[in-house]
Structures are given as structure tokens and as C-alpha cells.
Amino acid sequence: MAETHDQFNKRLSLLGHKHAKMTHGFSTQVGPDGLIQVTPKAKRNSFPFRGLFLLVFGFVAFKAFMLASVGPATYEERLSKLENGSVVEAAGAKFLGIDPLTAMMADIVVPLLR
């Protein structure tokens, strides 16, 4: 009798854990036998790495587009004007500087613009 009670408590504990996981979302599927199975959704990363990657990629693509459209000489001239400005403008010039990835992307974009 005690063994049956222990198994019941174990099943009850597992159900409690499953329901706690389902508070973060769940999905339902119909199995091949026709039963509806409810499974908790997988926990997602707390930090949005994909969003950060897309933000950085968009920023580098913007720099590459600007470099390809105005040319390297004009771009460097505008950066030097920014470097001589206020602290915020100098910081912007640091971020907008030509790096190898931006130069490579600009080389790809130049034929598309002409």
C-alpha cells in the first residue's frame, strides 16, 4: 500500500513540475492515436542575441551603404569633421570609422549602386 502511495506522490510531483513549466507557455499536438498532448514550450534565452546581431549587422550595412554611395575620400573627410567636433560627435566618428567588414561590404555594394 505504501508503495502505491509513493508512486502516486511521484506522479503528482511530476505533474506539478509540468504545470509549473507550462506557465511560460505550452503547445498542443494531436498524436497518431488521436490523443491531444500538451507539452511545455522550451525556455528561450533571456538575452535577445538575434536582435543584437541584426542591430549590429544593420549598422554595419548602413555604414557600407554610405561609404559606397559617397566614396572613401568624402567619407573620410566627413569623419574628420566629426572628430573635430564635440565629444558626442567624436564618439560618433569612432563608431562610424571604416573597418575591414564595412570596406568589404562597401566593395560588394558599389557595383549595385552604379
PDB file of N, CA and C in Angstrom:
ATOM      1  N   MET A   1       0.821  -1.197   0.000  1.00  0.00           N
ATOM      2  CA  MET A   1       0.000   0.000   0.000  1.00  0.00           C
ATOM      3  C   MET A   1       0.859   1.253   0.000  1.00  0.00           C
ATOM      4  N   ALA A   2       1.938   1.228   0.792  1.00  0.00           N
ATOM      5  CA  ALA A   2       2.824   2.385   0.866  1.00  0.00           C
ATOM      6  C   ALA A   2       3.519   2.609  -0.467  1.00  0.00           C
ATOM      7  N   GLU A   3       3.811   1.495  -1.166  1.00  0.00           N
ATOM      8  CA  GLU A   3       4.470   1.602  -2.471  1.00  0.00           C
ATOM      9  C   GLU A   3       3.558   2.302  -3.480  1.00  0.00           C
ATOM     10  N   THR A   4       2.294   1.992  -3.477  1.00  0.00           N
ATOM     11  CA  THR A   4       1.330   2.633  -4.363  1.00  0.00           C
ATOM     12  C   THR A   4       1.206   4.114  -4.035  1.00  0.00           C
ATOM     13  N   HIS A   5       1.208   4.422  -2.758  1.00  0.00           N
ATOM     14  CA  HIS A   5       1.124   5.824  -2.329  1.00  0.00           C
ATOM     15  C   HIS A   5       2.367   6.610  -2.771  1.00  0.00           C
ATOM     16  N   ASP A   6       3.553   5.976  -2.716  1.00  0.00           N
ATOM     17  CA  ASP A   6       4.785   6.634  -3.167  1.00  0.00           C
ATOM     18  C   ASP A   6       4.743   6.904  -4.671  1.00  0.00           C
ATOM     19  N   GLN A   7       4.231   5.935  -5.444  1.00  0.00           N
ATOM     20  CA  GLN A   7       4.123   6.136  -6.887  1.00  0.00           C
ATOM     21  C   GLN A   7       3.149   7.270  -7.209  1.00  0.00           C
ATOM     22  N   PHE A   8       2.055   7.322  -6.460  1.00  0.00           N
ATOM     23  CA  PHE A   8       1.083   8.397  -6.657  1.00  0.00           C
ATOM     24  C   PHE A   8       1.714   9.752  -6.352  1.00  0.00           C
ATOM     25  N   ASN A   9       2.454   9.852  -5.259  1.00  0.00           N
ATOM     26  CA  ASN A   9       3.122  11.111  -4.910  1.00  0.00           C
ATOM     27  C   ASN A   9       4.154  11.503  -5.964  1.00  0.00           C
ATOM     28  N   LYS A  10       4.852  10.514  -6.527  1.00  0.00           N
ATOM     29  CA  LYS A  10       5.840  10.798  -7.572  1.00  0.00           C
ATOM     30  C   LYS A  10       5.147  11.349  -8.825  1.00  0.00           C
ATOM     31  N   ARG A  11       4.031  10.714  -9.244  1.00  0.00           N
ATOM     32  CA  ARG A  11       3.282  11.204 -10.405  1.00  0.00           C
ATOM     33  C   ARG A  11       2.728  12.599 -10.147  1.00  0.00           C
ATOM     34  N   LEU A  12       2.246  12.815  -8.939  1.00  0.00           N
ATOM     35  CA  LEU A  12       1.712  14.119  -8.574  1.00  0.00           C
ATOM     36  C   LEU A  12       2.802  15.189  -8.615  1.00  0.00           C
ATOM     37  N   SER A  13       3.995  14.836  -8.147  1.00  0.00           N
ATOM     38  CA  SER A  13       5.123  15.775  -8.179  1.00  0.00           C
ATOM     39  C   SER A  13       5.518  16.097  -9.620  1.00  0.00           C
ATOM     40  N   LEU A  14       5.558  15.072 -10.485  1.00  0.00           N
ATOM     41  CA  LEU A  14       5.897  15.298 -11.892  1.00  0.00           C
ATOM     42  C   LEU A  14       4.863  16.191 -12.572  1.00  0.00           C
ATOM     43  N   LEU A  15       3.586  15.983 -12.248  1.00  0.00           N
ATOM     44  CA  LEU A  15       2.547  16.850 -12.809  1.00  0.00           C
ATOM     45  C   LEU A  15       2.713  18.288 -12.337  1.00  0.00           C
ATOM     46  N   GLY A  16       3.089  18.468 -11.081  1.00  0.00           N
ATOM     47  CA  GLY A  16       3.332  19.815 -10.558  1.00  0.00           C
ATOM     48  C   GLY A  16       4.459  20.508 -11.297  1.00  0.00           C
ATOM     49  N   HIS A  17       5.542  19.763 -11.576  1.00  0.00           N
ATOM     50  CA  HIS A  17       6.664  20.343 -12.328  1.00  0.00           C
ATOM     51  C   HIS A  17       6.242  20.689 -13.758  1.00  0.00           C
ATOM     52  N   LYS A  18       5.453  19.792 -14.377  1.00  0.00           N
ATOM     53  CA  LYS A  18       4.999  20.035 -15.749  1.00  0.00           C
ATOM     54  C   LYS A  18       4.098  21.263 -15.808  1.00  0.00           C
ATOM     55  N   HIS A  19       3.212  21.404 -14.853  1.00  0.00           N
ATOM     56  CA  HIS A  19       2.322  22.568 -14.838  1.00  0.00           C
ATOM     57  C   HIS A  19       3.095  23.851 -14.571  1.00  0.00           C
ATOM     58  N   ALA A  20       4.132  23.774 -13.733  1.00  0.00           N
ATOM     59  CA  ALA A  20       4.963  24.959 -13.486  1.00  0.00           C
ATOM     60  C   ALA A  20       5.677  25.388 -14.767  1.00  0.00           C
ATOM     61  N   LYS A  21       6.128  24.413 -15.561  1.00  0.00           N
ATOM     62  CA  LYS A  21       6.780  24.744 -16.832  1.00  0.00           C
ATOM     63  C   LYS A  21       5.790  25.348 -17.822  1.00  0.00           C
ATOM     64  N   MET A  22       4.530  24.919 -17.743  1.00  0.00           N
ATOM     65  CA  MET A  22       3.522  25.404 -18.686  1.00  0.00           C
ATOM     66  C   MET A  22       3.085  26.833 -18.402  1.00  0.00           C
ATOM     67  N   THR A  23       3.475  27.387 -17.277  1.00  0.00           N
ATOM     68  CA  THR A  23       3.130  28.786 -17.019  1.00  0.00           C
ATOM     69  C   THR A  23       3.869  29.711 -17.977  1.00  0.00           C
ATOM     70  N   HIS A  24       4.958  29.224 -18.587  1.00  0.00           N
ATOM     71  CA  HIS A  24       5.726  30.018 -19.554  1.00  0.00           C
ATOM     72  C   HIS A  24       5.262  29.772 -20.982  1.00  0.00           C
ATOM     73  N   GLY A  25       4.204  28.995 -21.147  1.00  0.00           N
ATOM     74  CA  GLY A  25       3.659  28.724 -22.474  1.00  0.00           C
ATOM     75  C   GLY A  25       3.624  27.236 -22.754  1.00  0.00           C
ATOM     76  N   PHE A  26       2.726  26.842 -23.626  1.00  0.00           N
ATOM     77  CA  PHE A  26       2.606  25.433 -23.974  1.00  0.00           C
ATOM     78  C   PHE A  26       2.093  25.315 -25.396  1.00  0.00           C
ATOM     79  N   SER A  27       2.249  24.124 -25.952  1.00  0.00           N
ATOM     80  CA  SER A  27       1.718  23.850 -27.287  1.00  0.00           C
ATOM     81  C   SER A  27       0.963  22.526 -27.226  1.00  0.00           C
ATOM     82  N   THR A  28      -0.024  22.405 -28.078  1.00  0.00           N
ATOM     83  CA  THR A  28      -0.813  21.174 -28.129  1.00  0.00           C
ATOM     84  C   THR A  28      -0.631  20.521 -29.488  1.00  0.00           C
ATOM     85  N   GLN A  29      -0.579  19.194 -29.474  1.00  0.00           N
ATOM     86  CA  GLN A  29      -0.458  18.422 -30.700  1.00  0.00           C
ATOM     87  C   GLN A  29      -1.367  17.213 -30.592  1.00  0.00           C
ATOM     88  N   VAL A  30      -1.903  16.806 -31.712  1.00  0.00           N
ATOM     89  CA  VAL A  30      -2.707  15.590 -31.750  1.00  0.00           C
ATOM     90  C   VAL A  30      -1.789  14.458 -32.176  1.00  0.00           C
ATOM     91  N   GLY A  31      -1.650  13.464 -31.323  1.00  0.00           N
ATOM     92  CA  GLY A  31      -0.782  12.330 -31.603  1.00  0.00           C
ATOM     93  C   GLY A  31      -1.390  11.399 -32.631  1.00  0.00           C
ATOM     94  N   PRO A  32      -0.630  10.403 -33.083  1.00  0.00           N
ATOM     95  CA  PRO A  32      -1.149   9.466 -34.086  1.00  0.00           C
ATOM     96  C   PRO A  32      -2.318   8.630 -33.565  1.00  0.00           C
ATOM     97  N   ASP A  33      -2.426   8.517 -32.246  1.00  0.00           N
ATOM     98  CA  ASP A  33      -3.534   7.756 -31.673  1.00  0.00           C
ATOM     99  C   ASP A  33      -4.768   8.614 -31.418  1.00  0.00           C
ATOM    100  N   GLY A  34      -4.707   9.907 -31.761  1.00  0.00           N
ATOM    101  CA  GLY A  34      -5.848  10.793 -31.613  1.00  0.00           C
ATOM    102  C   GLY A  34      -5.900  11.537 -30.292  1.00  0.00           C
ATOM    103  N   LEU A  35      -4.955  11.286 -29.400  1.00  0.00           N
ATOM    104  CA  LEU A  35      -4.930  11.983 -28.120  1.00  0.00           C
ATOM    105  C   LEU A  35      -4.285  13.357 -28.274  1.00  0.00           C
ATOM    106  N   ILE A  36      -4.799  14.310 -27.557  1.00  0.00           N
ATOM    107  CA  ILE A  36      -4.225  15.655 -27.562  1.00  0.00           C
ATOM    108  C   ILE A  36      -3.147  15.701 -26.491  1.00  0.00           C
ATOM    109  N   GLN A  37      -1.924  16.004 -26.918  1.00  0.00           N
ATOM    110  CA  GLN A  37      -0.798  16.055 -25.989  1.00  0.00           C
ATOM    111  C   GLN A  37      -0.411  17.508 -25.778  1.00  0.00           C
ATOM    112  N   VAL A  38      -0.306  17.894 -24.523  1.00  0.00           N
ATOM    113  CA  VAL A  38       0.084  19.255 -24.164  1.00  0.00           C
ATOM    114  C   VAL A  38       1.512  19.198 -23.655  1.00  0.00           C
ATOM    115  N   THR A  39       2.409  19.958 -24.311  1.00  0.00           N
ATOM    116  CA  THR A  39       3.812  19.975 -23.892  1.00  0.00           C
ATOM    117  C   THR A  39       4.232  21.411 -23.623  1.00  0.00           C
ATOM    118  N   PRO A  40       5.050  21.615 -22.593  1.00  0.00           N
ATOM    119  CA  PRO A  40       5.521  22.971 -22.310  1.00  0.00           C
ATOM    120  C   PRO A  40       6.494  23.441 -23.386  1.00  0.00           C
ATOM    121  N   LYS A  41       6.455  24.746 -23.681  1.00  0.00           N
ATOM    122  CA  LYS A  41       7.386  25.303 -24.660  1.00  0.00           C
ATOM    123  C   LYS A  41       8.773  25.383 -24.047  1.00  0.00           C
ATOM    124  N   ALA A  42       9.771  25.277 -24.898  1.00  0.00           N
ATOM    125  CA  ALA A  42      11.149  25.358 -24.427  1.00  0.00           C
ATOM    126  C   ALA A  42      11.446  26.764 -23.926  1.00  0.00           C
ATOM    127  N   LYS A  43      12.260  26.844 -22.908  1.00  0.00           N
ATOM    128  CA  LYS A  43      12.621  28.141 -22.351  1.00  0.00           C
ATOM    129  C   LYS A  43      13.527  28.865 -23.338  1.00  0.00           C
ATOM    130  N   ARG A  44      13.232  30.122 -23.568  1.00  0.00           N
ATOM    131  CA  ARG A  44      14.018  30.919 -24.507  1.00  0.00           C
ATOM    132  C   ARG A  44      15.136  31.629 -23.773  1.00  0.00           C
ATOM    133  N   ASN A  45      16.126  32.056 -24.540  1.00  0.00           N
ATOM    134  CA  ASN A  45      17.212  32.835 -23.952  1.00  0.00           C
ATOM    135  C   ASN A  45      16.662  34.128 -23.380  1.00  0.00           C
ATOM    136  N   SER A  46      17.219  34.525 -22.261  1.00  0.00           N
ATOM    137  CA  SER A  46      16.744  35.765 -21.658  1.00  0.00           C
ATOM    138  C   SER A  46      17.305  36.987 -22.392  1.00  0.00           C
ATOM    139  N   PHE A  47      18.447  36.837 -23.042  1.00  0.00           N
ATOM    140  CA  PHE A  47      19.041  37.947 -23.777  1.00  0.00           C
ATOM    141  C   PHE A  47      18.793  37.740 -25.270  1.00  0.00           C
ATOM    142  N   PRO A  48      18.288  38.741 -25.976  1.00  0.00           N
ATOM    143  CA  PRO A  48      17.958  38.574 -27.399  1.00  0.00           C
ATOM    144  C   PRO A  48      19.196  38.702 -28.299  1.00  0.00           C
ATOM    145  N   PHE A  49      19.964  37.618 -28.402  1.00  0.00           N
ATOM    146  CA  PHE A  49      21.183  37.646 -29.208  1.00  0.00           C
ATOM    147  C   PHE A  49      20.875  37.887 -30.681  1.00  0.00           C
ATOM    148  N   ARG A  50      19.789  37.332 -31.178  1.00  0.00           N
ATOM    149  CA  ARG A  50      19.434  37.518 -32.586  1.00  0.00           C
ATOM    150  C   ARG A  50      19.153  38.989 -32.879  1.00  0.00           C
ATOM    151  N   GLY A  51      18.440  39.649 -31.982  1.00  0.00           N
ATOM    152  CA  GLY A  51      18.149  41.072 -32.160  1.00  0.00           C
ATOM    153  C   GLY A  51      19.408  41.915 -32.129  1.00  0.00           C
ATOM    154  N   LEU A  52      20.325  41.582 -31.219  1.00  0.00           N
ATOM    155  CA  LEU A  52      21.592  42.311 -31.143  1.00  0.00           C
ATOM    156  C   LEU A  52      22.396  42.113 -32.426  1.00  0.00           C
ATOM    157  N   PHE A  53      22.431  40.874 -32.922  1.00  0.00           N
ATOM    158  CA  PHE A  53      23.147  40.597 -34.166  1.00  0.00           C
ATOM    159  C   PHE A  53      22.545  41.383 -35.324  1.00  0.00           C
ATOM    160  N   LEU A  54      21.221  41.405 -35.423  1.00  0.00           N
ATOM    161  CA  LEU A  54      20.568  42.145 -36.505  1.00  0.00           C
ATOM    162  C   LEU A  54      20.825  43.643 -36.394  1.00  0.00           C
ATOM    163  N   LEU A  55      20.867  44.160 -35.182  1.00  0.00           N
ATOM    164  CA  LEU A  55      21.155  45.578 -34.974  1.00  0.00           C
ATOM    165  C   LEU A  55      22.572  45.919 -35.435  1.00  0.00           C
ATOM    166  N   VAL A  56      23.546  45.104 -35.043  1.00  0.00           N
ATOM    167  CA  VAL A  56      24.937  45.345 -35.444  1.00  0.00           C
ATOM    168  C   VAL A  56      25.090  45.181 -36.955  1.00  0.00           C
ATOM    169  N   PHE A  57      24.464  44.149 -37.513  1.00  0.00           N
ATOM    170  CA  PHE A  57      24.546  43.940 -38.960  1.00  0.00           C
ATOM    171  C   PHE A  57      23.928  45.109 -39.714  1.00  0.00           C
ATOM    172  N   GLY A  58      22.791  45.591 -39.249  1.00  0.00           N
ATOM    173  CA  GLY A  58      22.147  46.743 -39.892  1.00  0.00           C
ATOM    174  C   GLY A  58      23.009  47.986 -39.825  1.00  0.00           C
ATOM    175  N   PHE A  59      23.677  48.201 -38.681  1.00  0.00           N
ATOM    176  CA  PHE A  59      24.552  49.359 -38.535  1.00  0.00           C
ATOM    177  C   PHE A  59      25.739  49.270 -39.490  1.00  0.00           C
ATOM    178  N   VAL A  60      26.351  48.091 -39.579  1.00  0.00           N
ATOM    179  CA  VAL A  60      27.493  47.913 -40.488  1.00  0.00           C
ATOM    180  C   VAL A  60      27.029  48.032 -41.941  1.00  0.00           C
ATOM    181  N   ALA A  61      25.856  47.515 -42.259  1.00  0.00           N
ATOM    182  CA  ALA A  61      25.333  47.639 -43.624  1.00  0.00           C
ATOM    183  C   ALA A  61      25.052  49.100 -43.962  1.00  0.00           C
ATOM    184  N   PHE A  62      24.547  49.860 -42.996  1.00  0.00           N
ATOM    185  CA  PHE A  62      24.319  51.293 -43.207  1.00  0.00           C
ATOM    186  C   PHE A  62      25.641  52.007 -43.486  1.00  0.00           C
ATOM    187  N   LYS A  63      26.672  51.695 -42.691  1.00  0.00           N
ATOM    188  CA  LYS A  63      27.988  52.306 -42.921  1.00  0.00           C
ATOM    189  C   LYS A  63      28.516  51.943 -44.307  1.00  0.00           C
ATOM    190  N   ALA A  64      28.350  50.671 -44.697  1.00  0.00           N
ATOM    191  CA  ALA A  64      28.834  50.229 -46.005  1.00  0.00           C
ATOM    192  C   ALA A  64      28.085  50.932 -47.129  1.00  0.00           C
ATOM    193  N   PHE A  65      26.780  51.099 -46.980  1.00  0.00           N
ATOM    194  CA  PHE A  65      25.996  51.797 -47.999  1.00  0.00           C
ATOM    195  C   PHE A  65      26.445  53.253 -48.114  1.00  0.00           C
ATOM    196  N   MET A  66      26.667  53.913 -46.980  1.00  0.00           N
ATOM    197  CA  MET A  66      27.121  55.307 -47.008  1.00  0.00           C
ATOM    198  C   MET A  66      28.502  55.416 -47.643  1.00  0.00           C
ATOM    199  N   LEU A  67      29.402  54.499 -47.281  1.00  0.00           N
ATOM    200  CA  LEU A  67      30.751  54.510 -47.847  1.00  0.00           C
ATOM    201  C   LEU A  67      30.700  54.275 -49.351  1.00  0.00           C
ATOM    202  N   ALA A  68      29.858  53.361 -49.792  1.00  0.00           N
ATOM    203  CA  ALA A  68      29.760  53.070 -51.225  1.00  0.00           C
ATOM    204  C   ALA A  68      29.119  54.219 -51.987  1.00  0.00           C
ATOM    205  N   SER A  69      28.181  54.920 -51.368  1.00  0.00           N
ATOM    206  CA  SER A  69      27.476  55.972 -52.103  1.00  0.00           C
ATOM    207  C   SER A  69      28.282  57.264 -52.205  1.00  0.00           C
ATOM    208  N   VAL A  70      29.027  57.649 -51.168  1.00  0.00           N
ATOM    209  CA  VAL A  70      29.766  58.918 -51.231  1.00  0.00           C
ATOM    210  C   VAL A  70      31.229  58.737 -51.593  1.00  0.00           C
ATOM    211  N   GLY A  71      31.756  57.533 -51.494  1.00  0.00           N
ATOM    212  CA  GLY A  71      33.151  57.288 -51.817  1.00  0.00           C
ATOM    213  C   GLY A  71      34.032  57.413 -50.584  1.00  0.00           C
ATOM    214  N   PRO A  72      35.186  56.731 -50.603  1.00  0.00           N
ATOM    215  CA  PRO A  72      36.053  56.710 -49.422  1.00  0.00           C
ATOM    216  C   PRO A  72      36.641  58.075 -49.064  1.00  0.00           C
ATOM    217  N   ALA A  73      36.998  58.874 -50.057  1.00  0.00           N
ATOM    218  CA  ALA A  73      37.621  60.173 -49.765  1.00  0.00           C
ATOM    219  C   ALA A  73      36.628  61.108 -49.066  1.00  0.00           C
ATOM    220  N   THR A  74      35.439  61.215 -49.600  1.00  0.00           N
ATOM    221  CA  THR A  74      34.417  62.080 -48.998  1.00  0.00           C
ATOM    222  C   THR A  74      34.012  61.562 -47.625  1.00  0.00           C
ATOM    223  N   TYR A  75      33.919  60.249 -47.487  1.00  0.00           N
ATOM    224  CA  TYR A  75      33.540  59.653 -46.203  1.00  0.00           C
ATOM    225  C   TYR A  75      34.581  59.977 -45.132  1.00  0.00           C
ATOM    226  N   GLU A  76      35.863  59.831 -45.483  1.00  0.00           N
ATOM    227  CA  GLU A  76      36.943  60.157 -44.534  1.00  0.00           C
ATOM    228  C   GLU A  76      36.934  61.639 -44.184  1.00  0.00           C
ATOM    229  N   GLU A  77      36.643  62.491 -45.161  1.00  0.00           N
ATOM    230  CA  GLU A  77      36.576  63.934 -44.905  1.00  0.00           C
ATOM    231  C   GLU A  77      35.462  64.251 -43.903  1.00  0.00           C
ATOM    232  N   ARG A  78      34.322  63.631 -44.081  1.00  0.00           N
ATOM    233  CA  ARG A  78      33.203  63.855 -43.155  1.00  0.00           C
ATOM    234  C   ARG A  78      33.520  63.302 -41.764  1.00  0.00           C
ATOM    235  N   LEU A  79      34.234  62.187 -41.710  1.00  0.00           N
ATOM    236  CA  LEU A  79      34.636  61.639 -40.411  1.00  0.00           C
ATOM    237  C   LEU A  79      35.616  62.566 -39.700  1.00  0.00           C
ATOM    238  N   SER A  80      36.520  63.181 -40.458  1.00  0.00           N
ATOM    239  CA  SER A  80      37.475  64.102 -39.823  1.00  0.00           C
ATOM    240  C   SER A  80      36.758  65.333 -39.270  1.00  0.00           C
ATOM    241  N   LYS A  81      35.701  65.789 -39.941  1.00  0.00           N
ATOM    242  CA  LYS A  81      34.907  66.901 -39.402  1.00  0.00           C
ATOM    243  C   LYS A  81      34.235  66.491 -38.090  1.00  0.00           C
ATOM    244  N   LEU A  82      33.743  65.263 -38.051  1.00  0.00           N
ATOM    245  CA  LEU A  82      33.111  64.772 -36.824  1.00  0.00           C
ATOM    246  C   LEU A  82      34.121  64.645 -35.684  1.00  0.00           C
ATOM    247  N   GLU A  83      35.334  64.194 -36.002  1.00  0.00           N
ATOM    248  CA  GLU A  83      36.359  64.029 -34.967  1.00  0.00           C
ATOM    249  C   GLU A  83      36.732  65.357 -34.334  1.00  0.00           C
ATOM    250  N   ASN A  84      36.645  66.437 -35.084  1.00  0.00           N
ATOM    251  CA  ASN A  84      36.995  67.759 -34.561  1.00  0.00           C
ATOM    252  C   ASN A  84      35.837  68.424 -33.831  1.00  0.00           C
ATOM    253  N   GLY A  85      34.688  67.787 -33.777  1.00  0.00           N
ATOM    254  CA  GLY A  85      33.507  68.360 -33.137  1.00  0.00           C
ATOM    255  C   GLY A  85      33.478  68.078 -31.643  1.00  0.00           C
ATOM    256  N   SER A  86      32.283  68.073 -31.091  1.00  0.00           N
ATOM    257  CA  SER A  86      32.097  67.851 -29.652  1.00  0.00           C
ATOM    258  C   SER A  86      32.435  66.403 -29.281  1.00  0.00           C
ATOM    259  N   VAL A  87      32.302  66.097 -28.006  1.00  0.00           N
ATOM    260  CA  VAL A  87      32.623  64.756 -27.517  1.00  0.00           C
ATOM    261  C   VAL A  87      31.687  63.717 -28.142  1.00  0.00           C
ATOM    262  N   VAL A  88      30.428  64.058 -28.260  1.00  0.00           N
ATOM    263  CA  VAL A  88      29.456  63.131 -28.850  1.00  0.00           C
ATOM    264  C   VAL A  88      29.776  62.900 -30.322  1.00  0.00           C
ATOM    265  N   GLU A  89      30.134  63.958 -31.040  1.00  0.00           N
ATOM    266  CA  GLU A  89      30.478  63.814 -32.456  1.00  0.00           C
ATOM    267  C   GLU A  89      31.751  62.995 -32.625  1.00  0.00           C
ATOM    268  N   ALA A  90      32.725  63.183 -31.732  1.00  0.00           N
ATOM    269  CA  ALA A  90      33.959  62.399 -31.803  1.00  0.00           C
ATOM    270  C   ALA A  90      33.673  60.918 -31.539  1.00  0.00           C
ATOM    271  N   ALA A  91      32.775  60.636 -30.597  1.00  0.00           N
ATOM    272  CA  ALA A  91      32.397  59.242 -30.340  1.00  0.00           C
ATOM    273  C   ALA A  91      31.678  58.657 -31.557  1.00  0.00           C
ATOM    274  N   GLY A  92      30.838  59.454 -32.200  1.00  0.00           N
ATOM    275  CA  GLY A  92      30.168  59.006 -33.418  1.00  0.00           C
ATOM    276  C   GLY A  92      31.161  58.713 -34.526  1.00  0.00           C
ATOM    277  N   ALA A  93      32.210  59.530 -34.621  1.00  0.00           N
ATOM    278  CA  ALA A  93      33.240  59.302 -35.632  1.00  0.00           C
ATOM    279  C   ALA A  93      33.966  57.987 -35.368  1.00  0.00           C
ATOM    280  N   LYS A  94      34.172  57.653 -34.089  1.00  0.00           N
ATOM    281  CA  LYS A  94      34.815  56.377 -33.750  1.00  0.00           C
ATOM    282  C   LYS A  94      33.962  55.203 -34.235  1.00  0.00           C
ATOM    283  N   PHE A  95      32.642  55.287 -33.979  1.00  0.00           N
ATOM    284  CA  PHE A  95      31.753  54.199 -34.374  1.00  0.00           C
ATOM    285  C   PHE A  95      31.577  54.122 -35.883  1.00  0.00           C
ATOM    286  N   LEU A  96      31.606  55.265 -36.556  1.00  0.00           N
ATOM    287  CA  LEU A  96      31.370  55.292 -37.995  1.00  0.00           C
ATOM    288  C   LEU A  96      32.632  55.092 -38.823  1.00  0.00           C
ATOM    289  N   GLY A  97      33.771  54.883 -38.164  1.00  0.00           N
ATOM    290  CA  GLY A  97      35.028  54.686 -38.881  1.00  0.00           C
ATOM    291  C   GLY A  97      34.974  53.476 -39.801  1.00  0.00           C
ATOM    292  N   ILE A  98      35.860  53.480 -40.786  1.00  0.00           N
ATOM    293  CA  ILE A  98      35.896  52.389 -41.763  1.00  0.00           C
ATOM    294  C   ILE A  98      36.664  51.220 -41.158  1.00  0.00           C
ATOM    295  N   ASP A  99      35.983  50.100 -40.998  1.00  0.00           N
ATOM    296  CA  ASP A  99      36.624  48.880 -40.517  1.00  0.00           C
ATOM    297  C   ASP A  99      36.656  47.879 -41.678  1.00  0.00           C
ATOM    298  N   PRO A 100      37.394  46.789 -41.551  1.00  0.00           N
ATOM    299  CA  PRO A 100      37.511  45.846 -42.670  1.00  0.00           C
ATOM    300  C   PRO A 100      36.168  45.274 -43.149  1.00  0.00           C
ATOM    301  N   LEU A 101      35.262  44.999 -42.231  1.00  0.00           N
ATOM    302  CA  LEU A 101      33.963  44.447 -42.626  1.00  0.00           C
ATOM    303  C   LEU A 101      33.152  45.464 -43.427  1.00  0.00           C
ATOM    304  N   THR A 102      33.185  46.720 -42.993  1.00  0.00           N
ATOM    305  CA  THR A 102      32.472  47.776 -43.712  1.00  0.00           C
ATOM    306  C   THR A 102      33.058  47.960 -45.107  1.00  0.00           C
ATOM    307  N   ALA A 103      34.389  47.954 -45.201  1.00  0.00           N
ATOM    308  CA  ALA A 103      35.037  48.114 -46.508  1.00  0.00           C
ATOM    309  C   ALA A 103      34.682  46.954 -47.439  1.00  0.00           C
ATOM    310  N   MET A 104      34.653  45.736 -46.893  1.00  0.00           N
ATOM    311  CA  MET A 104      34.323  44.575 -47.711  1.00  0.00           C
ATOM    312  C   MET A 104      32.872  44.650 -48.201  1.00  0.00           C
ATOM    313  N   MET A 105      31.970  45.035 -47.307  1.00  0.00           N
ATOM    314  CA  MET A 105      30.567  45.153 -47.712  1.00  0.00           C
ATOM    315  C   MET A 105      30.375  46.294 -48.708  1.00  0.00           C
ATOM    316  N   ALA A 106      31.124  47.378 -48.550  1.00  0.00           N
ATOM    317  CA  ALA A 106      31.021  48.501 -49.485  1.00  0.00           C
ATOM    318  C   ALA A 106      31.489  48.083 -50.876  1.00  0.00           C
ATOM    319  N   ASP A 107      32.545  47.249 -50.936  1.00  0.00           N
ATOM    320  CA  ASP A 107      33.018  46.759 -52.231  1.00  0.00           C
ATOM    321  C   ASP A 107      31.951  45.912 -52.927  1.00  0.00           C
ATOM    322  N   ILE A 108      31.139  45.229 -52.147  1.00  0.00           N
ATOM    323  CA  ILE A 108      30.061  44.423 -52.725  1.00  0.00           C
ATOM    324  C   ILE A 108      28.916  45.316 -53.200  1.00  0.00           C
ATOM    325  N   VAL A 109      28.652  46.408 -52.463  1.00  0.00           N
ATOM    326  CA  VAL A 109      27.508  47.278 -52.758  1.00  0.00           C
ATOM    327  C   VAL A 109      27.791  48.234 -53.918  1.00  0.00           C
ATOM    328  N   VAL A 110      29.056  48.630 -54.123  1.00  0.00           N
ATOM    329  CA  VAL A 110      29.398  49.629 -55.151  1.00  0.00           C
ATOM    330  C   VAL A 110      28.865  49.245 -56.531  1.00  0.00           C
ATOM    331  N   PRO A 111      29.067  48.012 -57.017  1.00  0.00           N
ATOM    332  CA  PRO A 111      28.529  47.690 -58.346  1.00  0.00           C
ATOM    333  C   PRO A 111      26.998  47.743 -58.409  1.00  0.00           C
ATOM    334  N   LEU A 112      26.344  47.515 -57.293  1.00  0.00           N
ATOM    335  CA  LEU A 112      24.882  47.548 -57.290  1.00  0.00           C
ATOM    336  C   LEU A 112      24.346  48.969 -57.380  1.00  0.00           C
ATOM    337  N   LEU A 113      25.114  49.945 -56.910  1.00  0.00           N
ATOM    338  CA  LEU A 113      24.675  51.339 -56.928  1.00  0.00           C
ATOM    339  C   LEU A 113      24.911  52.015 -58.273  1.00  0.00           C
ATOM    340  N   ARG A 114      25.798  51.495 -59.062  1.00  0.00           N
ATOM    341  CA  ARG A 114      26.151  52.160 -60.325  1.00  0.00           C
ATOM    342  C   ARG A 114      25.461  51.531 -61.493  1.00  0.00           C
TER     343      ARG A 114
END
